[in-house]
Amino acid sequence: MRDLEAFLQARLGERSPTTVKKERVTVMEFFDWAVAMNILQASPAANLTKVKSAGDLPPFRTYQEIENTVATVAASADGRGVRRWCMPSADRCDRVRTSG
């Protein structure tokens, strides 16, 4: 169990908490399978510490908020790195700056 905890802690230094949470679930499911197949009597991952999330997801954006952001970016474009950008189901395309 300590080895699994150490593995997760080491992964937190290399990857995002969201990724490590997924890896934790994968490890737990693997050991649950091994128990179900009678390969192990008990899962060594049964009591692994939960991984805390990195934070809240970005807030939900309405269609109008997205349009306003695109318009702001398009208005600030200086002609370099500008491309056409179309929102799905939109009737028009806006020019927006791309990185580079």
Protein backbone atom coordinates (compact mmCIF):
# COMPACT_ATOMS: atom_id res chain seq x y z
CA MET A 1 0.00 0.00 0.00
CA ARG A 2 2.83 2.41 0.83
CA ASP A 3 4.35 1.74 -2.58
CA LEU A 4 1.07 2.65 -4.28
CA GLU A 5 0.76 5.82 -2.21
CA ALA A 6 4.37 6.72 -3.07
CA PHE A 7 3.64 6.06 -6.75
CA LEU A 8 0.67 8.44 -6.71
CA GLN A 9 2.64 11.12 -4.88
CA ALA A 10 5.48 10.83 -7.38
CA ARG A 11 3.01 11.09 -10.27
CA LEU A 12 1.58 14.29 -8.75
CA GLY A 13 5.02 15.81 -9.25
CA GLU A 14 4.94 14.87 -12.93
CA ARG A 15 1.29 15.16 -14.01
CA SER A 16 -1.85 17.12 -13.25
CA PRO A 17 -4.06 16.05 -10.34
CA THR A 18 -6.81 15.19 -12.83
CA THR A 19 -4.51 12.76 -14.62
CA VAL A 20 -3.35 11.21 -11.35
CA LYS A 21 -6.97 10.78 -10.24
CA LYS A 22 -7.61 8.78 -13.41
CA GLU A 23 -4.48 6.71 -12.85
CA ARG A 24 -5.60 6.02 -9.26
CA VAL A 25 -8.93 4.71 -10.55
CA THR A 26 -7.13 2.52 -13.09
CA VAL A 27 -4.88 1.03 -10.39
CA MET A 28 -7.87 0.39 -8.13
CA GLU A 29 -9.84 -1.27 -10.94
CA PHE A 30 -6.87 -3.47 -11.81
CA PHE A 31 -6.59 -4.77 -8.27
CA ASP A 32 -10.38 -5.19 -8.00
CA TRP A 33 -10.17 -7.33 -11.15
CA ALA A 34 -7.32 -9.37 -9.64
CA VAL A 35 -9.49 -10.03 -6.56
CA ALA A 36 -12.49 -10.99 -8.73
CA MET A 37 -10.28 -13.43 -10.67
CA ASN A 38 -9.06 -14.95 -7.35
CA ILE A 39 -5.51 -13.88 -8.12
CA LEU A 40 -5.43 -11.84 -4.89
CA GLN A 41 -7.46 -12.24 -1.72
CA ALA A 42 -7.74 -8.48 -1.15
CA SER A 43 -6.94 -5.35 -3.06
CA PRO A 44 -3.84 -3.52 -1.86
CA ALA A 45 -5.34 -0.39 -3.44
CA ALA A 46 -8.63 -0.53 -1.54
CA ASN A 47 -7.71 2.30 0.83
CA LEU A 48 -5.64 4.54 -1.42
CA THR A 49 -5.85 8.20 -0.47
CA LYS A 50 -8.05 10.26 -2.77
CA VAL A 51 -6.27 12.72 -5.02
CA LYS A 52 -7.45 16.29 -4.66
CA SER A 53 -8.47 18.12 -7.80
CA ALA A 54 -6.39 20.98 -9.15
CA GLY A 55 -9.31 23.34 -8.71
CA ASP A 56 -12.64 24.26 -10.12
CA LEU A 57 -13.37 23.96 -13.78
CA PRO A 58 -13.52 27.19 -15.74
CA PRO A 59 -16.94 28.80 -15.46
CA PHE A 60 -19.60 28.01 -18.02
CA ARG A 61 -19.64 30.56 -20.83
CA THR A 62 -22.79 31.55 -22.65
CA TYR A 63 -22.84 31.90 -26.41
CA GLN A 64 -22.93 35.71 -25.99
CA GLU A 65 -19.89 35.69 -23.67
CA ILE A 66 -17.95 33.65 -26.20
CA GLU A 67 -18.98 35.98 -29.02
CA ASN A 68 -17.86 39.01 -26.95
CA THR A 69 -14.47 37.41 -26.30
CA VAL A 70 -14.00 36.59 -29.97
CA ALA A 71 -14.99 40.14 -30.94
CA THR A 72 -12.50 41.60 -28.47
CA VAL A 73 -9.67 39.43 -29.79
CA ALA A 74 -10.62 40.17 -33.40
CA ALA A 75 -10.68 43.92 -32.73
CA SER A 76 -7.17 43.81 -31.27
CA ALA A 77 -5.64 41.84 -34.16
CA ASP A 78 -2.83 43.73 -35.86
CA GLY A 79 -2.85 41.75 -39.10
CA ARG A 80 -0.15 39.32 -38.02
CA GLY A 81 -1.20 35.80 -37.26
CA VAL A 82 -4.83 36.50 -38.07
CA ARG A 83 -7.05 33.75 -39.42
CA ARG A 84 -10.71 33.18 -40.04
CA TRP A 85 -12.61 31.61 -37.18
CA CYS A 86 -16.17 30.31 -37.35
CA MET A 87 -18.34 29.24 -34.47
CA PRO A 88 -20.32 26.09 -35.15
CA SER A 89 -23.83 26.98 -36.31
CA ALA A 90 -22.87 30.64 -36.71
CA ASP A 91 -23.82 32.60 -39.79
CA ARG A 92 -20.55 34.48 -39.94
CA CYS A 93 -16.83 34.13 -39.36
CA ASP A 94 -14.67 36.50 -37.34
CA ARG A 95 -11.02 37.31 -37.75
CA VAL A 96 -9.05 36.34 -34.66
CA ARG A 97 -5.40 36.46 -33.73
CA THR A 98 -3.59 33.18 -33.42
CA SER A 99 -0.37 32.63 -31.53
CA GLY A 100 2.81 32.81 -33.50
